[in-house]
């Protein structure tokens, strides 16, 4: 009765995010989590193969994180950072700055990743106005990239299907090619480094075309999420950093997914050897036990605001919430105590090797990613790399794969924001046992999908 009642209430009142609604559609109701396992309201268990939404780094059910939240709420449940400060926000800002590369020492807290991206664009525009370059306001980002849903972040996002319902958007967003080597144009199909240089040079080309005096920033994820986990080719970010320096354009590393161990290091820019001007982050900072995000800026960007009178006129009521900051500090304690960053670096090759055993399936075209963050691209013809049309994607992903994988005991994502992929990002506490279980489920379902098609 409780299960039926909850489903009825959800159908009547809950408006899901990026969700379909209508007759016969009742969302699965997840009630509990422990380690890498989640349970629904019928008591059935599933492997959490996506860490919730690239979030639950340290796994579910960590009592000390719940206790950290309760303890802080008892002492100070809320106070804003609008010209005031709290001990947990101060301590967390110092801790984050300690992990960040270069001179990224200033931490502006938000409530999540989209707000962090929004804050970064606003800072870029404000900064250039203050230093006498008021025309620099445009942003370059990559095709198919997802950077959030606020109007500014959506303008940076490179997914037309998500943007069209909300147009006109904030003006100033422009697109360049992404680093999907599997779909590289003919001259670069056998040379990943040359492909990376080609992609990076398109950024310089876009800046020149728009006018260097109008471009403020380049927003890039270390490993692009939408489209299915595109890692950067060798030398790509080195060239991008060079381009940004040449044109006085800020390089923003959007690490909402990739930060806090997802690729290995606390910040993935360290994994790929570049120092950005701004980092945006969220998700794994608290492992999802409380919402928080952050924009981390260099000392150079903060300098014009450090004169006793100039204000960055931007903020969020719940940005740097005392309880969320306390949870983040406790979460980072777990990272350090359990060596989760080193755990990911040691075990990432095993995850890759386990997933690559799926290559013998006719439907599996490409397996790509880094750390604990992978995409498996599905194809209609392996030899020609022919993809599926929209109708086939609908049948394959929503009609079969999504329910079949879940029914088999694995929560992950079947996604066609680019070409159709299955995405995986297990909690950072995962090891070979979990990798094998994920593989076995995927093998059975993908084999069946190939036979059906």
Protein backbone atom coordinates (compact mmCIF):
# COMPACT_ATOMS: atom_id res chain seq x y z
CA UNK A 1 0.00 0.00 0.00
CA UNK A 2 2.85 2.37 0.82
CA UNK A 3 4.50 1.71 -2.55
CA UNK A 4 1.25 2.22 -4.46
CA UNK A 5 0.51 5.35 -2.45
CA UNK A 6 3.93 6.87 -3.14
CA UNK A 7 3.64 6.16 -6.84
CA UNK A 8 0.23 7.79 -6.98
CA UNK A 9 1.49 10.86 -5.13
CA UNK A 10 4.49 11.11 -7.48
CA UNK A 11 2.24 10.88 -10.52
CA UNK A 12 -0.06 13.58 -9.18
CA UNK A 13 2.40 16.09 -7.71
CA UNK A 14 6.09 15.46 -8.47
CA UNK A 15 7.58 17.20 -11.50
CA UNK A 16 10.71 15.24 -12.38
CA UNK A 17 13.87 16.76 -13.84
CA UNK A 18 14.53 15.92 -17.51
CA UNK A 19 11.72 13.37 -17.11
CA UNK A 20 8.81 12.17 -19.18
CA UNK A 21 5.35 12.23 -17.60
CA UNK A 22 2.02 10.78 -18.59
CA UNK A 23 -0.23 7.72 -18.40
CA UNK A 24 1.65 4.57 -17.52
CA UNK A 25 4.82 6.41 -16.42
CA UNK A 26 5.65 6.15 -12.73
CA UNK A 27 9.24 6.90 -11.72
CA UNK A 28 11.24 4.24 -9.85
CA UNK A 29 11.32 5.24 -6.19
CA UNK A 30 14.75 4.89 -4.55
CA UNK A 31 14.54 4.66 -0.77
CA UNK A 32 17.94 3.66 0.60
CA UNK A 33 21.64 3.43 -0.21
CA UNK A 34 24.65 1.71 1.33
CA UNK A 35 28.12 1.66 -0.18
CA UNK A 36 27.72 1.09 -3.93
CA UNK A 37 24.18 -0.31 -3.63
CA UNK A 38 20.77 1.38 -3.76
CA UNK A 39 17.32 -0.08 -3.01
CA UNK A 40 13.89 0.80 -4.35
CA UNK A 41 10.58 0.88 -2.50
CA UNK A 42 9.94 -2.80 -3.25
CA UNK A 43 13.19 -3.83 -1.57
CA UNK A 44 15.04 -4.67 -4.80
CA UNK A 45 18.75 -3.75 -4.88
CA UNK A 46 20.81 -2.24 -7.70
CA UNK A 47 24.46 -1.37 -8.27
CA UNK A 48 24.77 2.41 -8.38
CA UNK A 49 26.83 2.59 -11.57
CA UNK A 50 26.47 6.37 -11.93
CA UNK A 51 27.16 7.54 -8.35
CA UNK A 52 23.65 9.00 -8.29
CA UNK A 53 24.53 11.59 -10.94
CA UNK A 54 28.35 11.57 -10.88
CA UNK A 55 28.05 12.65 -7.25
CA UNK A 56 28.34 9.99 -4.52
CA UNK A 57 32.13 9.63 -4.51
CA UNK A 58 32.52 8.04 -1.07
CA UNK A 59 29.46 5.80 -1.41
CA UNK A 60 26.06 5.82 0.24
CA UNK A 61 25.23 5.54 3.93
CA UNK A 62 28.25 7.31 5.46
CA UNK A 63 27.12 7.95 9.02
CA UNK A 64 29.86 10.48 9.76
CA UNK A 65 28.61 12.76 6.98
CA UNK A 66 25.09 12.67 8.38
CA UNK A 67 26.50 13.38 11.83
CA UNK A 68 28.55 16.31 10.52
CA UNK A 69 25.39 17.83 9.07
CA UNK A 70 23.41 17.33 12.27
CA UNK A 71 26.15 18.74 14.47
CA UNK A 72 26.50 21.88 12.36
CA UNK A 73 22.73 22.36 12.12
CA UNK A 74 22.50 22.31 15.90
CA UNK A 75 25.18 24.99 16.21
CA UNK A 76 24.39 27.23 13.21
CA UNK A 77 21.89 26.00 10.65
CA UNK A 78 22.10 29.01 8.35
CA UNK A 79 23.72 32.34 7.80
CA UNK A 80 24.45 34.03 4.45
CA UNK A 81 27.84 34.99 3.05
CA UNK A 82 26.49 38.38 1.99
CA UNK A 83 29.19 40.52 3.69
CA UNK A 84 29.42 37.96 6.51
CA UNK A 85 31.27 34.68 6.94
CA UNK A 86 30.89 31.41 8.83
CA UNK A 87 33.65 29.16 10.21
CA UNK A 88 32.76 26.21 7.95
CA UNK A 89 32.75 28.37 4.80
CA UNK A 90 36.11 29.86 5.73
CA UNK A 91 37.67 26.46 6.47
CA UNK A 92 36.26 24.92 3.31
CA UNK A 93 37.45 27.80 1.12
CA UNK A 94 40.98 27.38 2.52
CA UNK A 95 40.86 23.62 1.98
CA UNK A 96 39.68 23.90 -1.62
CA UNK A 97 42.30 26.55 -2.41
CA UNK A 98 44.95 24.20 -0.98
CA UNK A 99 43.93 21.49 -3.47
CA UNK A 100 43.59 23.86 -6.45
CA UNK A 101 46.52 24.41 -8.83
CA UNK A 102 48.46 27.59 -9.45
CA UNK A 103 47.16 30.76 -7.84
CA UNK A 104 43.50 29.73 -7.76
CA UNK A 105 43.04 30.92 -4.21
CA UNK A 106 39.62 32.60 -4.20
CA UNK A 107 36.54 30.44 -3.64
CA UNK A 108 33.05 31.75 -4.44
CA UNK A 109 30.39 29.33 -3.17
CA UNK A 110 27.19 28.47 -5.02
CA UNK A 111 24.45 25.89 -4.50
CA UNK A 112 25.40 23.67 -7.44
CA UNK A 113 27.25 23.24 -10.73
CA UNK A 114 25.05 25.26 -13.07
CA UNK A 115 25.24 28.20 -10.69
CA UNK A 116 29.03 27.85 -10.56
CA UNK A 117 29.19 28.06 -14.37
CA UNK A 118 26.83 31.03 -14.33
CA UNK A 119 29.06 32.73 -11.75
CA UNK A 120 32.19 32.11 -13.82
CA UNK A 121 30.75 33.78 -16.92
CA UNK A 122 29.54 36.75 -14.88
CA UNK A 123 32.97 37.10 -13.28
CA UNK A 124 34.70 36.97 -16.67
CA UNK A 125 32.52 39.77 -18.04
CA UNK A 126 32.79 41.86 -14.88
CA UNK A 127 36.57 41.40 -14.67
CA UNK A 128 37.23 42.59 -18.21
CA UNK A 129 35.06 45.65 -17.70
CA UNK A 130 37.08 46.55 -14.60
CA UNK A 131 40.43 46.21 -16.37
CA UNK A 132 39.42 48.36 -19.33
CA UNK A 133 38.34 45.74 -21.87
CA UNK A 134 34.54 46.12 -21.73
CA UNK A 135 33.90 44.48 -25.11
CA UNK A 136 35.09 41.05 -23.94
CA UNK A 137 31.90 39.17 -23.09
CA UNK A 138 31.55 36.18 -25.44
CA UNK A 139 32.21 32.55 -24.53
CA UNK A 140 33.55 29.66 -26.60
CA UNK A 141 32.56 26.09 -25.69
CA UNK A 142 32.39 22.73 -27.46
CA UNK A 143 29.72 21.05 -29.54
CA UNK A 144 27.43 18.66 -27.60
CA UNK A 145 28.89 19.86 -24.26
CA UNK A 146 26.56 20.31 -21.30
CA UNK A 147 27.31 23.14 -18.83
CA UNK A 148 24.04 23.60 -16.95
CA UNK A 149 20.48 24.88 -17.17
CA UNK A 150 20.48 28.55 -16.00
CA UNK A 151 20.06 30.96 -18.93
CA UNK A 152 23.76 31.83 -19.09
CA UNK A 153 25.01 28.29 -18.58
CA UNK A 154 22.49 27.06 -21.14
CA UNK A 155 23.91 29.53 -23.67
CA UNK A 156 27.32 27.92 -23.09
CA UNK A 157 25.82 24.43 -23.45
CA UNK A 158 26.25 22.92 -26.92
CA UNK A 159 23.04 20.87 -27.12
CA UNK A 160 20.46 22.55 -29.39
CA UNK A 161 17.60 20.25 -28.31
CA UNK A 162 17.89 21.51 -24.72
CA UNK A 163 18.20 25.15 -25.73
CA UNK A 164 15.43 25.56 -28.30
CA UNK A 165 12.48 25.56 -25.84
CA UNK A 166 14.01 28.45 -23.87
CA UNK A 167 15.27 30.72 -26.62
CA UNK A 168 16.18 33.50 -26.90
CA UNK A 169 19.06 32.76 -24.55
CA UNK A 170 21.76 34.97 -23.12
CA UNK A 171 23.73 36.14 -26.19
CA UNK A 172 27.41 35.42 -26.64
CA UNK A 173 27.83 31.63 -26.73
CA UNK A 174 29.79 30.10 -29.63
CA UNK A 175 30.74 26.49 -30.43
CA UNK A 176 33.87 24.65 -31.58
CA UNK A 177 34.46 20.92 -32.27
CA UNK A 178 34.71 18.51 -29.34
CA UNK A 179 37.42 15.86 -28.90
CA UNK A 180 35.51 12.74 -29.94
CA UNK A 181 38.41 10.87 -31.57
CA UNK A 182 36.10 8.00 -32.55
CA UNK A 183 34.34 10.44 -34.90
CA UNK A 184 37.45 12.37 -36.00
CA UNK A 185 37.45 13.66 -39.59
CA UNK A 186 39.39 11.63 -42.14
CA UNK A 187 42.78 13.41 -42.00
CA UNK A 188 43.06 12.78 -38.24
CA UNK A 189 41.49 9.34 -37.73
CA UNK A 190 44.83 7.65 -37.05
CA UNK A 191 46.66 10.43 -35.20
CA UNK A 192 45.14 11.39 -31.86
CA UNK A 193 47.67 14.13 -31.13
CA UNK A 194 47.14 15.76 -34.52
CA UNK A 195 43.38 15.57 -33.94
CA UNK A 196 43.83 17.32 -30.59
CA UNK A 197 45.82 20.09 -32.23
CA UNK A 198 43.14 20.43 -34.90
CA UNK A 199 40.40 20.77 -32.24
CA UNK A 200 42.40 23.26 -30.18
CA UNK A 201 43.21 25.37 -33.23
CA UNK A 202 39.49 25.68 -33.95
CA UNK A 203 39.28 27.61 -30.66
CA UNK A 204 41.87 30.10 -31.92
CA UNK A 205 39.96 30.30 -35.19
CA UNK A 206 36.68 31.07 -33.38
CA UNK A 207 38.34 33.77 -31.26
CA UNK A 208 39.80 35.38 -34.38
CA UNK A 209 36.49 35.16 -36.20
CA UNK A 210 34.49 36.74 -33.37
CA UNK A 211 37.25 39.23 -32.59
CA UNK A 212 39.70 38.77 -29.68
CA UNK A 213 38.47 42.02 -28.15
CA UNK A 214 34.98 40.46 -27.77
CA UNK A 215 35.82 37.02 -26.32
CA UNK A 216 36.06 36.67 -22.55
CA UNK A 217 36.40 32.95 -21.83
CA UNK A 218 36.65 29.38 -23.08
CA UNK A 219 34.65 26.82 -21.08
CA UNK A 220 35.89 23.21 -21.31
CA UNK A 221 35.35 20.06 -19.26
CA UNK A 222 38.53 18.04 -18.70
CA UNK A 223 36.59 14.98 -19.93
CA UNK A 224 33.45 16.06 -21.79
CA UNK A 225 30.35 14.39 -20.37
CA UNK A 226 27.57 14.80 -22.96
CA UNK A 227 28.17 12.68 -26.02
CA UNK A 228 29.79 9.99 -23.92
CA UNK A 229 33.02 10.82 -22.07
CA UNK A 230 35.43 12.45 -24.51
CA UNK A 231 38.93 12.59 -22.97
CA UNK A 232 41.39 15.22 -24.25
CA UNK A 233 43.93 14.09 -26.84
CA UNK A 234 47.62 14.45 -25.91
CA UNK A 235 48.74 18.08 -26.05
CA UNK A 236 45.19 19.44 -26.38
CA UNK A 237 45.03 21.47 -23.17
CA UNK A 238 48.62 22.64 -23.55
CA UNK A 239 47.65 24.21 -26.87
CA UNK A 240 44.37 25.61 -25.48
CA UNK A 241 46.25 27.27 -22.62
CA UNK A 242 48.65 28.81 -25.14
CA UNK A 243 45.74 30.12 -27.22
CA UNK A 244 43.98 31.65 -24.23
CA UNK A 245 47.19 33.40 -23.12
CA UNK A 246 47.78 34.74 -26.63
CA UNK A 247 44.35 36.34 -26.89
CA UNK A 248 43.89 37.29 -23.19
CA UNK A 249 40.95 34.92 -22.88
CA UNK A 250 40.15 33.15 -19.61
CA UNK A 251 40.31 29.36 -19.53
CA UNK A 252 37.52 27.91 -17.40
CA UNK A 253 37.86 24.26 -16.39
CA UNK A 254 34.31 23.06 -15.82
CA UNK A 255 34.89 20.25 -13.33
CA UNK A 256 31.38 19.86 -11.96
CA UNK A 257 31.69 16.15 -12.80
CA UNK A 258 35.44 15.63 -13.07
CA UNK A 259 36.65 17.16 -9.79
CA UNK A 260 37.11 15.38 -6.46
CA UNK A 261 38.60 12.13 -7.64
CA UNK A 262 36.36 11.24 -10.58
CA UNK A 263 39.41 11.23 -12.89
CA UNK A 264 41.93 10.68 -10.09
CA UNK A 265 43.22 13.94 -8.62
CA UNK A 266 41.13 16.39 -6.61
CA UNK A 267 40.99 18.52 -9.74
CA UNK A 268 41.18 16.87 -13.16
CA UNK A 269 43.16 19.76 -14.65
CA UNK A 270 46.05 18.32 -12.61
CA UNK A 271 45.50 14.92 -14.26
CA UNK A 272 45.83 16.53 -17.70
CA UNK A 273 48.58 19.02 -16.88
CA UNK A 274 47.07 22.48 -17.25
CA UNK A 275 46.32 25.42 -14.95
CA UNK A 276 43.05 27.22 -15.74
CA UNK A 277 42.02 30.71 -14.65
CA UNK A 278 38.76 29.46 -13.10
CA UNK A 279 37.52 26.07 -11.95
CA UNK A 280 33.82 25.34 -11.53
CA UNK A 281 32.90 22.39 -9.31
CA UNK A 282 30.06 20.89 -7.26
CA UNK A 283 28.71 17.29 -7.11
CA UNK A 284 31.53 15.30 -5.48
CA UNK A 285 32.50 18.07 -3.06
CA UNK A 286 30.01 16.68 -0.55
CA UNK A 287 29.46 13.30 -2.24
CA UNK A 288 25.86 14.46 -2.52
CA UNK A 289 25.11 14.45 1.19
CA UNK A 290 24.27 18.16 1.01
CA UNK A 291 24.11 20.57 -1.96
CA UNK A 292 27.01 22.93 -2.66
CA UNK A 293 29.07 24.22 -5.58
CA UNK A 294 31.99 26.56 -6.06
CA UNK A 295 33.74 28.84 -8.51
CA UNK A 296 37.47 28.95 -7.81
CA UNK A 297 39.24 31.99 -9.29
CA UNK A 298 42.85 33.06 -9.60
CA UNK A 299 44.32 35.89 -7.55
CA UNK A 300 44.57 37.92 -10.76
CA UNK A 301 40.82 37.80 -11.27
CA UNK A 302 40.11 38.78 -7.68
CA UNK A 303 42.52 41.72 -7.66
CA UNK A 304 40.16 44.37 -9.15
CA UNK A 305 37.63 43.56 -6.41
CA UNK A 306 40.19 43.88 -3.60
CA UNK A 307 40.22 47.67 -3.35
CA UNK A 308 37.78 48.17 -0.48
CA UNK A 309 34.93 49.45 -2.65
CA UNK A 310 34.39 47.34 -5.79
CA UNK A 311 31.74 44.62 -5.35
CA UNK A 312 31.09 41.50 -7.44
CA UNK A 313 27.32 41.98 -7.47
CA UNK A 314 26.36 38.35 -7.50
CA UNK A 315 25.39 35.70 -4.95
CA UNK A 316 23.00 33.00 -3.76
CA UNK A 317 21.05 32.79 -0.52
CA UNK A 318 22.25 29.26 0.14
CA UNK A 319 25.74 29.59 -1.37
CA UNK A 320 28.31 28.19 1.09
CA UNK A 321 25.54 26.99 3.41
CA UNK A 322 27.08 26.22 6.84
CA UNK A 323 25.70 22.68 6.93
CA UNK A 324 26.81 21.89 3.38
CA UNK A 325 30.27 23.30 4.09
CA UNK A 326 30.57 21.14 7.21
CA UNK A 327 29.58 18.06 5.21
CA UNK A 328 32.12 18.94 2.50
CA UNK A 329 34.90 19.18 5.09
CA UNK A 330 33.97 15.78 6.50
CA UNK A 331 33.76 14.34 2.98
CA UNK A 332 37.27 15.60 2.17
CA UNK A 333 38.48 14.05 5.44
CA UNK A 334 37.27 10.68 4.12
CA UNK A 335 39.12 11.26 0.84
CA UNK A 336 42.36 11.84 2.69
CA UNK A 337 41.95 9.15 5.34
CA UNK A 338 41.01 6.43 2.86
CA UNK A 339 43.29 7.57 0.03
CA UNK A 340 40.48 7.67 -2.52
CA UNK A 341 42.43 9.67 -5.10
CA UNK A 342 45.20 7.09 -5.17
CA UNK A 343 42.59 4.31 -5.16
CA UNK A 344 41.07 5.69 -8.36
CA UNK A 345 44.47 6.08 -10.02
CA UNK A 346 45.44 2.50 -9.12
CA UNK A 347 42.13 0.93 -10.15
CA UNK A 348 41.24 2.97 -13.24
CA UNK A 349 43.21 0.64 -15.57
CA UNK A 350 41.27 -2.33 -14.18
CA UNK A 351 37.94 -0.61 -14.85
CA UNK A 352 39.02 0.14 -18.41
CA UNK A 353 40.26 -3.41 -18.99
CA UNK A 354 37.05 -4.91 -17.62
CA UNK A 355 34.81 -2.74 -19.80
CA UNK A 356 36.95 -3.35 -22.88
CA UNK A 357 35.97 -7.02 -22.74
CA UNK A 358 32.67 -5.79 -24.23
CA UNK A 359 34.39 -4.96 -27.52
CA UNK A 360 33.54 -8.35 -28.99
CA UNK A 361 29.84 -7.44 -28.98
CA UNK A 362 28.71 -6.22 -32.43
CA UNK A 363 26.76 -3.30 -30.94
CA UNK A 364 29.77 -1.85 -29.04
CA UNK A 365 31.67 0.65 -31.19
CA UNK A 366 33.85 2.58 -28.75
CA UNK A 367 34.74 2.49 -25.05
CA UNK A 368 36.30 5.71 -23.79
CA UNK A 369 36.89 7.76 -20.70
CA UNK A 370 39.31 8.20 -17.81
CA UNK A 371 39.44 7.45 -14.11
CA UNK A 372 36.05 6.16 -12.95
CA UNK A 373 34.18 7.88 -15.80
CA UNK A 374 33.37 5.92 -18.97
CA UNK A 375 31.10 5.93 -22.00
CA UNK A 376 30.29 2.97 -24.25
CA UNK A 377 29.17 4.12 -27.69
CA UNK A 378 26.68 1.86 -29.45
CA UNK A 379 26.65 1.44 -33.23
CA UNK A 380 24.48 -0.19 -35.87
CA UNK A 381 27.47 -1.25 -37.96
CA UNK A 382 30.83 -1.76 -36.28
CA UNK A 383 32.85 -1.75 -39.52
CA UNK A 384 31.46 1.56 -40.82
CA UNK A 385 30.72 3.08 -37.37
CA UNK A 386 27.19 3.81 -38.60
CA UNK A 387 25.05 5.15 -35.77
CA UNK A 388 21.31 4.84 -35.12
CA UNK A 389 18.67 7.28 -36.36
CA UNK A 390 16.29 9.03 -33.96
CA UNK A 391 13.59 6.37 -34.18
CA UNK A 392 16.10 3.58 -33.60
CA UNK A 393 17.61 5.45 -30.63
CA UNK A 394 14.15 5.77 -29.13
CA UNK A 395 13.57 2.03 -29.41
CA UNK A 396 17.08 1.08 -28.34
CA UNK A 397 17.70 3.42 -25.41
CA UNK A 398 14.28 4.21 -23.95
CA UNK A 399 12.31 1.28 -25.26
CA UNK A 400 14.79 -1.42 -24.26
CA UNK A 401 18.16 -0.53 -22.71
CA UNK A 402 17.10 1.79 -19.90
CA UNK A 403 14.46 -0.53 -18.40
CA UNK A 404 16.45 -3.70 -19.17
CA UNK A 405 19.65 -2.56 -17.46
CA UNK A 406 17.72 -1.36 -14.43
CA UNK A 407 15.70 -4.56 -14.24
CA UNK A 408 18.98 -6.51 -14.38
CA UNK A 409 20.17 -4.69 -11.26
CA UNK A 410 22.30 -1.80 -12.57
CA UNK A 411 21.58 1.91 -12.38
CA UNK A 412 23.51 3.82 -15.07
CA UNK A 413 22.63 6.11 -17.97
CA UNK A 414 21.66 5.42 -21.57
CA UNK A 415 22.12 8.73 -23.32
CA UNK A 416 21.71 10.05 -26.87
CA UNK A 417 22.59 13.72 -26.44
CA UNK A 418 25.22 12.93 -29.08
CA UNK A 419 25.54 9.45 -30.52
CA UNK A 420 23.94 6.75 -28.30
CA UNK A 421 26.06 5.73 -25.33
CA UNK A 422 25.86 3.95 -22.00
CA UNK A 423 27.60 5.99 -19.30
CA UNK A 424 29.23 4.66 -16.14
CA UNK A 425 30.67 6.47 -13.13
CA UNK A 426 30.65 4.15 -10.09
CA UNK A 427 31.42 5.44 -6.58
CA UNK A 428 35.13 5.93 -5.99
CA UNK A 429 35.15 3.17 -3.36
CA UNK A 430 34.42 0.60 -6.09
CA UNK A 431 36.90 -2.13 -7.00
CA UNK A 432 37.20 -5.23 -9.18
CA UNK A 433 34.20 -6.91 -7.58
CA UNK A 434 31.96 -4.03 -8.63
CA UNK A 435 33.63 -3.74 -12.05
CA UNK A 436 32.93 -7.42 -12.74
CA UNK A 437 29.31 -7.15 -11.63
CA UNK A 438 28.74 -4.11 -13.85
CA UNK A 439 30.39 -5.90 -16.77
CA UNK A 440 28.27 -9.04 -16.41
CA UNK A 441 25.04 -7.07 -16.38
CA UNK A 442 26.03 -4.90 -19.32
CA UNK A 443 27.23 -7.88 -21.32
CA UNK A 444 23.92 -9.69 -20.97
CA UNK A 445 21.78 -6.66 -21.79
CA UNK A 446 23.92 -5.34 -24.67
CA UNK A 447 24.14 -8.82 -26.20
CA UNK A 448 20.35 -9.03 -26.09
CA UNK A 449 20.03 -5.52 -27.54
CA UNK A 450 22.25 -6.46 -30.46
CA UNK A 451 20.18 -9.58 -31.16
CA UNK A 452 16.91 -7.63 -31.04
CA UNK A 453 18.22 -5.08 -33.52
